[in-house]
């Protein structure tokens, strides 16, 4: 339990991680353990950076903004999807727990913690994720205004950052990969519920098919794992 302050007055802690490594070329998968020193305020993403920079430069994972905005660093910790940049590692390891890190579920693994997002984006595009205006432009170049109260209907759905955590945990997608999935359906609600959209009926008819909304198993894992509180199942 000894802690040694660094020059920057940070306290360092010992962190052990188990990471599933995957080589798509060889088709080999192995669980490897790493022990590192990290600042107490470190996130899971910070720890992966330390592993890659100081111990194993071959470790593959995605990251970008580091601020829970881009959605790039989705992965699983102990079998549940998380954003690595949001997960404070001190809360996980303080009792001596060694977390197991793996790639997200329901998407093909390319290498280590990197998954192929092509199926994800295909379903995203399948719900026409853009506004189809159903209103007349105001005369004389005036702006078309919508009150905040009317837009509150889709406030939560608009928070989605396309990280894929909900897709990773979806039971229905695991049994039927053709199911549109929680992210695409939440994105569809973003436009079905938008008072400016003029294609609500057409959208709902498209979502009413064999692999649309009725295939959801109502497990609520998507609500539980969404890092932004979108609650796709509610949508």
C-alpha atoms as a PDB file:
ATOM      1  CA  UNK A   1       0.000   0.000   0.000  1.00  0.00           C
ATOM      2  CA  UNK A   2       3.004   2.308  -0.171  1.00  0.00           C
ATOM      3  CA  UNK A   3       2.469   5.367  -2.368  1.00  0.00           C
ATOM      4  CA  UNK A   4       5.328   7.526  -3.567  1.00  0.00           C
ATOM      5  CA  UNK A   5       4.633  11.112  -4.659  1.00  0.00           C
ATOM      6  CA  UNK A   6       6.083  11.918  -8.069  1.00  0.00           C
ATOM      7  CA  UNK A   7       7.787  15.187  -8.972  1.00  0.00           C
ATOM      8  CA  UNK A   8       4.448  16.602 -10.071  1.00  0.00           C
ATOM      9  CA  UNK A   9       3.058  15.863  -6.596  1.00  0.00           C
ATOM     10  CA  UNK A  10       0.872  13.120  -8.031  1.00  0.00           C
ATOM     11  CA  UNK A  11       0.360   9.898  -6.119  1.00  0.00           C
ATOM     12  CA  UNK A  12       1.120   6.782  -8.132  1.00  0.00           C
ATOM     13  CA  UNK A  13      -0.755   3.531  -7.763  1.00  0.00           C
ATOM     14  CA  UNK A  14      -0.006   0.052  -8.991  1.00  0.00           C
ATOM     15  CA  UNK A  15      -2.448  -1.139 -11.637  1.00  0.00           C
ATOM     16  CA  UNK A  16      -2.744  -4.635 -13.067  1.00  0.00           C
ATOM     17  CA  UNK A  17      -4.710  -5.189 -16.275  1.00  0.00           C
ATOM     18  CA  UNK A  18      -5.602  -8.325 -18.193  1.00  0.00           C
ATOM     19  CA  UNK A  19      -6.033  -7.548 -21.892  1.00  0.00           C
ATOM     20  CA  UNK A  20      -7.326  -9.890 -24.555  1.00  0.00           C
ATOM     21  CA  UNK A  21      -4.925  -9.665 -27.497  1.00  0.00           C
ATOM     22  CA  UNK A  22      -6.117 -10.782 -30.923  1.00  0.00           C
ATOM     23  CA  UNK A  23      -4.201 -11.342 -34.148  1.00  0.00           C
ATOM     24  CA  UNK A  24      -6.688 -11.470 -37.040  1.00  0.00           C
ATOM     25  CA  UNK A  25      -4.061 -12.697 -39.509  1.00  0.00           C
ATOM     26  CA  UNK A  26      -3.053 -15.701 -37.442  1.00  0.00           C
ATOM     27  CA  UNK A  27      -6.478 -16.068 -35.827  1.00  0.00           C
ATOM     28  CA  UNK A  28      -4.830 -16.312 -32.408  1.00  0.00           C
ATOM     29  CA  UNK A  29      -6.232 -14.919 -29.158  1.00  0.00           C
ATOM     30  CA  UNK A  30      -4.358 -14.617 -25.874  1.00  0.00           C
ATOM     31  CA  UNK A  31      -4.989 -13.059 -22.461  1.00  0.00           C
ATOM     32  CA  UNK A  32      -1.969 -11.075 -21.280  1.00  0.00           C
ATOM     33  CA  UNK A  33      -1.426  -9.334 -17.951  1.00  0.00           C
ATOM     34  CA  UNK A  34       0.373  -6.019 -17.488  1.00  0.00           C
ATOM     35  CA  UNK A  35       1.430  -4.286 -14.275  1.00  0.00           C
ATOM     36  CA  UNK A  36       2.018  -0.547 -14.430  1.00  0.00           C
ATOM     37  CA  UNK A  37       2.299   2.542 -12.228  1.00  0.00           C
ATOM     38  CA  UNK A  38      -0.321   5.188 -12.952  1.00  0.00           C
ATOM     39  CA  UNK A  39      -1.517   8.442 -11.347  1.00  0.00           C
ATOM     40  CA  UNK A  40      -4.509   8.089  -9.051  1.00  0.00           C
ATOM     41  CA  UNK A  41      -6.663  10.169 -11.411  1.00  0.00           C
ATOM     42  CA  UNK A  42      -5.862   7.942 -14.406  1.00  0.00           C
ATOM     43  CA  UNK A  43      -8.635   6.582 -16.581  1.00  0.00           C
ATOM     44  CA  UNK A  44      -8.632   3.216 -18.286  1.00  0.00           C
ATOM     45  CA  UNK A  45      -7.542   4.982 -21.467  1.00  0.00           C
ATOM     46  CA  UNK A  46      -4.603   6.587 -19.631  1.00  0.00           C
ATOM     47  CA  UNK A  47      -3.532   3.129 -18.450  1.00  0.00           C
ATOM     48  CA  UNK A  48      -3.725   1.708 -21.968  1.00  0.00           C
ATOM     49  CA  UNK A  49      -1.561   4.606 -23.133  1.00  0.00           C
ATOM     50  CA  UNK A  50       1.021   3.746 -20.462  1.00  0.00           C
ATOM     51  CA  UNK A  51       1.022   0.086 -21.532  1.00  0.00           C
ATOM     52  CA  UNK A  52       1.478   1.025 -25.174  1.00  0.00           C
ATOM     53  CA  UNK A  53       4.111   3.727 -24.569  1.00  0.00           C
ATOM     54  CA  UNK A  54       6.253   1.888 -21.995  1.00  0.00           C
ATOM     55  CA  UNK A  55       5.583  -1.842 -22.152  1.00  0.00           C
ATOM     56  CA  UNK A  56       4.089  -3.064 -25.429  1.00  0.00           C
ATOM     57  CA  UNK A  57       3.904  -0.834 -28.482  1.00  0.00           C
ATOM     58  CA  UNK A  58       1.973  -3.458 -30.439  1.00  0.00           C
ATOM     59  CA  UNK A  59      -1.223  -2.987 -28.374  1.00  0.00           C
ATOM     60  CA  UNK A  60      -4.024  -1.734 -30.639  1.00  0.00           C
ATOM     61  CA  UNK A  61      -7.038   0.345 -29.543  1.00  0.00           C
ATOM     62  CA  UNK A  62      -8.863   3.460 -30.705  1.00  0.00           C
ATOM     63  CA  UNK A  63      -8.930   6.896 -29.095  1.00  0.00           C
ATOM     64  CA  UNK A  64      -9.336  10.516 -30.084  1.00  0.00           C
ATOM     65  CA  UNK A  65     -10.873  13.279 -27.951  1.00  0.00           C
ATOM     66  CA  UNK A  66     -10.260  11.760 -24.471  1.00  0.00           C
ATOM     67  CA  UNK A  67     -13.304  13.767 -23.263  1.00  0.00           C
ATOM     68  CA  UNK A  68     -16.331  11.459 -23.800  1.00  0.00           C
ATOM     69  CA  UNK A  69     -17.296  13.269 -27.003  1.00  0.00           C
ATOM     70  CA  UNK A  70     -16.001  11.277 -29.987  1.00  0.00           C
ATOM     71  CA  UNK A  71     -16.987   7.748 -28.907  1.00  0.00           C
ATOM     72  CA  UNK A  72     -13.800   6.201 -30.311  1.00  0.00           C
ATOM     73  CA  UNK A  73     -12.605   4.337 -27.200  1.00  0.00           C
ATOM     74  CA  UNK A  74     -15.515   1.961 -26.664  1.00  0.00           C
ATOM     75  CA  UNK A  75     -14.428  -1.445 -25.332  1.00  0.00           C
ATOM     76  CA  UNK A  76     -15.394  -4.008 -22.708  1.00  0.00           C
ATOM     77  CA  UNK A  77     -14.170  -4.147 -19.136  1.00  0.00           C
ATOM     78  CA  UNK A  78     -15.076  -7.329 -17.244  1.00  0.00           C
ATOM     79  CA  UNK A  79     -17.551  -8.179 -19.987  1.00  0.00           C
ATOM     80  CA  UNK A  80     -19.452  -4.870 -20.007  1.00  0.00           C
ATOM     81  CA  UNK A  81     -19.074  -2.055 -22.552  1.00  0.00           C
ATOM     82  CA  UNK A  82     -17.490   1.189 -21.336  1.00  0.00           C
ATOM     83  CA  UNK A  83     -15.819   4.294 -22.682  1.00  0.00           C
ATOM     84  CA  UNK A  84     -12.172   3.958 -21.677  1.00  0.00           C
ATOM     85  CA  UNK A  85     -11.783   7.729 -21.295  1.00  0.00           C
ATOM     86  CA  UNK A  86     -14.709   7.865 -18.838  1.00  0.00           C
ATOM     87  CA  UNK A  87     -13.728   4.916 -16.620  1.00  0.00           C
ATOM     88  CA  UNK A  88     -11.619   6.006 -13.648  1.00  0.00           C
ATOM     89  CA  UNK A  89      -9.317   3.103 -12.915  1.00  0.00           C
ATOM     90  CA  UNK A  90      -8.822   3.895  -9.197  1.00  0.00           C
ATOM     91  CA  UNK A  91     -12.448   2.993  -8.513  1.00  0.00           C
ATOM     92  CA  UNK A  92     -11.852  -0.379 -10.171  1.00  0.00           C
ATOM     93  CA  UNK A  93      -8.511  -1.479  -8.667  1.00  0.00           C
ATOM     94  CA  UNK A  94      -8.654   0.033  -5.148  1.00  0.00           C
ATOM     95  CA  UNK A  95      -9.711  -3.319  -3.673  1.00  0.00           C
ATOM     96  CA  UNK A  96      -7.110  -5.314  -5.594  1.00  0.00           C
ATOM     97  CA  UNK A  97      -9.380  -6.243  -8.504  1.00  0.00           C
ATOM     98  CA  UNK A  98      -7.637  -6.974 -11.816  1.00  0.00           C
ATOM     99  CA  UNK A  99     -10.026  -5.946 -14.631  1.00  0.00           C
ATOM    100  CA  UNK A 100     -10.169  -7.849 -17.908  1.00  0.00           C
ATOM    101  CA  UNK A 101     -10.233  -5.632 -21.010  1.00  0.00           C
ATOM    102  CA  UNK A 102     -11.552  -6.900 -24.339  1.00  0.00           C
ATOM    103  CA  UNK A 103     -13.011  -5.681 -27.612  1.00  0.00           C
ATOM    104  CA  UNK A 104     -16.690  -4.752 -27.890  1.00  0.00           C
ATOM    105  CA  UNK A 105     -19.220  -7.452 -28.719  1.00  0.00           C
ATOM    106  CA  UNK A 106     -21.411  -7.958 -31.808  1.00  0.00           C
ATOM    107  CA  UNK A 107     -18.769  -6.457 -34.106  1.00  0.00           C
ATOM    108  CA  UNK A 108     -15.871  -8.262 -35.868  1.00  0.00           C
ATOM    109  CA  UNK A 109     -12.525  -7.847 -34.100  1.00  0.00           C
ATOM    110  CA  UNK A 110      -9.731  -6.488 -36.317  1.00  0.00           C
ATOM    111  CA  UNK A 111      -6.897  -6.476 -33.766  1.00  0.00           C
ATOM    112  CA  UNK A 112      -6.787  -6.494 -29.969  1.00  0.00           C
ATOM    113  CA  UNK A 113      -9.392  -3.912 -28.851  1.00  0.00           C
ATOM    114  CA  UNK A 114     -10.177  -2.571 -32.339  1.00  0.00           C
ATOM    115  CA  UNK A 115     -13.438  -3.698 -33.954  1.00  0.00           C
ATOM    116  CA  UNK A 116     -14.711  -3.309 -37.500  1.00  0.00           C
ATOM    117  CA  UNK A 117     -17.368  -0.579 -37.356  1.00  0.00           C
ATOM    118  CA  UNK A 118     -18.596  -1.134 -40.938  1.00  0.00           C
ATOM    119  CA  UNK A 119     -21.730  -3.110 -39.869  1.00  0.00           C
ATOM    120  CA  UNK A 120     -22.451  -0.420 -37.289  1.00  0.00           C
ATOM    121  CA  UNK A 121     -22.334   2.390 -39.854  1.00  0.00           C
ATOM    122  CA  UNK A 122     -24.372   0.369 -42.367  1.00  0.00           C
ATOM    123  CA  UNK A 123     -27.261   0.158 -39.891  1.00  0.00           C
ATOM    124  CA  UNK A 124     -26.793   3.809 -38.989  1.00  0.00           C
ATOM    125  CA  UNK A 125     -27.231   4.759 -42.655  1.00  0.00           C
ATOM    126  CA  UNK A 126     -30.193   2.377 -43.038  1.00  0.00           C
ATOM    127  CA  UNK A 127     -32.458   4.642 -40.942  1.00  0.00           C
ATOM    128  CA  UNK A 128     -31.816   7.747 -43.103  1.00  0.00           C
ATOM    129  CA  UNK A 129     -30.093   9.667 -40.277  1.00  0.00           C
ATOM    130  CA  UNK A 130     -30.786  13.128 -41.612  1.00  0.00           C
ATOM    131  CA  UNK A 131     -33.670  15.556 -41.570  1.00  0.00           C
ATOM    132  CA  UNK A 132     -36.265  15.416 -44.341  1.00  0.00           C
ATOM    133  CA  UNK A 133     -37.899  18.832 -43.893  1.00  0.00           C
ATOM    134  CA  UNK A 134     -41.682  18.873 -43.854  1.00  0.00           C
ATOM    135  CA  UNK A 135     -42.205  22.598 -43.382  1.00  0.00           C
ATOM    136  CA  UNK A 136     -42.452  25.615 -45.661  1.00  0.00           C
ATOM    137  CA  UNK A 137     -39.582  28.064 -45.657  1.00  0.00           C
ATOM    138  CA  UNK A 138     -40.669  31.363 -44.061  1.00  0.00           C
ATOM    139  CA  UNK A 139     -40.981  34.249 -46.533  1.00  0.00           C
ATOM    140  CA  UNK A 140     -38.416  37.010 -46.953  1.00  0.00           C
ATOM    141  CA  UNK A 141     -35.514  34.795 -45.865  1.00  0.00           C
ATOM    142  CA  UNK A 142     -36.630  34.602 -42.240  1.00  0.00           C
ATOM    143  CA  UNK A 143     -35.362  31.824 -40.014  1.00  0.00           C
ATOM    144  CA  UNK A 144     -37.559  28.813 -39.260  1.00  0.00           C
ATOM    145  CA  UNK A 145     -37.703  28.625 -35.478  1.00  0.00           C
ATOM    146  CA  UNK A 146     -38.643  25.692 -33.250  1.00  0.00           C
ATOM    147  CA  UNK A 147     -39.159  26.172 -29.515  1.00  0.00           C
ATOM    148  CA  UNK A 148     -36.838  24.332 -27.097  1.00  0.00           C
ATOM    149  CA  UNK A 149     -39.896  22.667 -25.572  1.00  0.00           C
ATOM    150  CA  UNK A 150     -40.743  20.960 -28.874  1.00  0.00           C
ATOM    151  CA  UNK A 151     -37.134  19.827 -29.372  1.00  0.00           C
ATOM    152  CA  UNK A 152     -36.933  18.387 -25.853  1.00  0.00           C
ATOM    153  CA  UNK A 153     -38.749  15.316 -27.198  1.00  0.00           C
ATOM    154  CA  UNK A 154     -35.514  14.149 -28.834  1.00  0.00           C
ATOM    155  CA  UNK A 155     -33.023  15.720 -26.432  1.00  0.00           C
ATOM    156  CA  UNK A 156     -31.628  12.420 -25.120  1.00  0.00           C
ATOM    157  CA  UNK A 157     -31.424  10.800 -28.567  1.00  0.00           C
ATOM    158  CA  UNK A 158     -29.452  13.803 -29.829  1.00  0.00           C
ATOM    159  CA  UNK A 159     -26.761  13.090 -27.200  1.00  0.00           C
ATOM    160  CA  UNK A 160     -25.658   9.875 -28.945  1.00  0.00           C
ATOM    161  CA  UNK A 161     -21.950   9.886 -29.851  1.00  0.00           C
ATOM    162  CA  UNK A 162     -22.049   6.655 -31.921  1.00  0.00           C
ATOM    163  CA  UNK A 163     -19.638   4.829 -29.614  1.00  0.00           C
ATOM    164  CA  UNK A 164     -21.295   1.431 -30.114  1.00  0.00           C
ATOM    165  CA  UNK A 165     -21.488   0.479 -26.421  1.00  0.00           C
ATOM    166  CA  UNK A 166     -25.206  -0.278 -26.715  1.00  0.00           C
ATOM    167  CA  UNK A 167     -24.653  -2.405 -29.810  1.00  0.00           C
ATOM    168  CA  UNK A 168     -21.911  -4.322 -28.001  1.00  0.00           C
ATOM    169  CA  UNK A 169     -24.337  -5.447 -25.288  1.00  0.00           C
ATOM    170  CA  UNK A 170     -27.460  -6.078 -27.410  1.00  0.00           C
ATOM    171  CA  UNK A 171     -28.876  -9.590 -26.918  1.00  0.00           C
ATOM    172  CA  UNK A 172     -31.108  -9.325 -29.976  1.00  0.00           C
ATOM    173  CA  UNK A 173     -28.163  -8.490 -32.254  1.00  0.00           C
ATOM    174  CA  UNK A 174     -26.243 -11.430 -30.824  1.00  0.00           C
ATOM    175  CA  UNK A 175     -29.033 -13.779 -31.895  1.00  0.00           C
ATOM    176  CA  UNK A 176     -29.820 -12.006 -35.166  1.00  0.00           C
ATOM    177  CA  UNK A 177     -27.088  -9.789 -36.688  1.00  0.00           C
ATOM    178  CA  UNK A 178     -29.696  -8.386 -39.095  1.00  0.00           C
ATOM    179  CA  UNK A 179     -31.536  -6.610 -36.263  1.00  0.00           C
ATOM    180  CA  UNK A 180     -31.128  -2.843 -36.681  1.00  0.00           C
ATOM    181  CA  UNK A 181     -29.979  -2.524 -33.097  1.00  0.00           C
ATOM    182  CA  UNK A 182     -30.319   0.094 -30.350  1.00  0.00           C
ATOM    183  CA  UNK A 183     -28.080   2.791 -31.800  1.00  0.00           C
ATOM    184  CA  UNK A 184     -29.798   2.866 -35.189  1.00  0.00           C
ATOM    185  CA  UNK A 185     -33.263   2.816 -33.604  1.00  0.00           C
ATOM    186  CA  UNK A 186     -32.363   5.623 -31.187  1.00  0.00           C
ATOM    187  CA  UNK A 187     -31.039   7.621 -34.138  1.00  0.00           C
ATOM    188  CA  UNK A 188     -34.277   6.939 -36.002  1.00  0.00           C
ATOM    189  CA  UNK A 189     -36.236   8.321 -33.029  1.00  0.00           C
ATOM    190  CA  UNK A 190     -34.051  11.423 -33.211  1.00  0.00           C
ATOM    191  CA  UNK A 191     -35.746  12.208 -36.544  1.00  0.00           C
ATOM    192  CA  UNK A 192     -39.161  10.603 -36.015  1.00  0.00           C
ATOM    193  CA  UNK A 193     -39.596  12.845 -32.981  1.00  0.00           C
ATOM    194  CA  UNK A 194     -38.188  15.978 -34.629  1.00  0.00           C
ATOM    195  CA  UNK A 195     -41.081  18.414 -35.262  1.00  0.00           C
ATOM    196  CA  UNK A 196     -39.394  19.604 -38.474  1.00  0.00           C
ATOM    197  CA  UNK A 197     -39.279  16.170 -40.129  1.00  0.00           C
ATOM    198  CA  UNK A 198     -41.884  15.427 -42.774  1.00  0.00           C
ATOM    199  CA  UNK A 199     -41.372  11.672 -43.233  1.00  0.00           C
ATOM    200  CA  UNK A 200     -42.505  10.279 -39.881  1.00  0.00           C
ATOM    201  CA  UNK A 201     -44.943   7.742 -41.331  1.00  0.00           C
ATOM    202  CA  UNK A 202     -42.439   6.481 -43.908  1.00  0.00           C
ATOM    203  CA  UNK A 203     -39.755   6.128 -41.226  1.00  0.00           C
ATOM    204  CA  UNK A 204     -42.054   4.223 -38.872  1.00  0.00           C
ATOM    205  CA  UNK A 205     -43.197   1.895 -41.636  1.00  0.00           C
ATOM    206  CA  UNK A 206     -39.566   1.075 -42.442  1.00  0.00           C
ATOM    207  CA  UNK A 207     -38.832   0.392 -38.762  1.00  0.00           C
ATOM    208  CA  UNK A 208     -41.857  -1.894 -38.504  1.00  0.00           C
ATOM    209  CA  UNK A 209     -40.320  -4.698 -40.589  1.00  0.00           C
ATOM    210  CA  UNK A 210     -39.039  -8.102 -39.531  1.00  0.00           C
ATOM    211  CA  UNK A 211     -35.686  -6.841 -38.225  1.00  0.00           C
ATOM    212  CA  UNK A 212     -36.929  -3.530 -36.821  1.00  0.00           C
ATOM    213  CA  UNK A 213     -38.242  -2.428 -33.446  1.00  0.00           C
ATOM    214  CA  UNK A 214     -40.156  -5.604 -32.596  1.00  0.00           C
ATOM    215  CA  UNK A 215     -37.044  -7.763 -32.455  1.00  0.00           C
ATOM    216  CA  UNK A 216     -35.821  -6.015 -29.299  1.00  0.00           C
ATOM    217  CA  UNK A 217     -35.731  -8.427 -26.316  1.00  0.00           C
ATOM    218  CA  UNK A 218     -36.248  -5.634 -23.758  1.00  0.00           C
ATOM    219  CA  UNK A 219     -33.203  -6.598 -21.726  1.00  0.00           C
ATOM    220  CA  UNK A 220     -32.357  -2.912 -21.116  1.00  0.00           C
ATOM    221  CA  UNK A 221     -28.605  -3.572 -21.360  1.00  0.00           C
ATOM    222  CA  UNK A 222     -28.363  -0.742 -23.909  1.00  0.00           C
ATOM    223  CA  UNK A 223     -29.804   1.708 -21.375  1.00  0.00           C
ATOM    224  CA  UNK A 224     -27.475   0.380 -18.692  1.00  0.00           C
ATOM    225  CA  UNK A 225     -24.281   0.637 -20.733  1.00  0.00           C
ATOM    226  CA  UNK A 226     -24.866   3.892 -22.653  1.00  0.00           C
ATOM    227  CA  UNK A 227     -22.206   6.350 -21.369  1.00  0.00           C
ATOM    228  CA  UNK A 228     -24.244   9.407 -22.394  1.00  0.00           C
ATOM    229  CA  UNK A 229     -27.649   8.522 -20.951  1.00  0.00           C
ATOM    230  CA  UNK A 230     -29.354   8.203 -24.326  1.00  0.00           C
ATOM    231  CA  UNK A 231     -31.478   5.240 -23.122  1.00  0.00           C
ATOM    232  CA  UNK A 232     -31.972   3.622 -26.554  1.00  0.00           C
ATOM    233  CA  UNK A 233     -34.580   1.146 -25.263  1.00  0.00           C
ATOM    234  CA  UNK A 234     -36.820   3.992 -24.129  1.00  0.00           C
ATOM    235  CA  UNK A 235     -36.559   5.529 -27.610  1.00  0.00           C
END
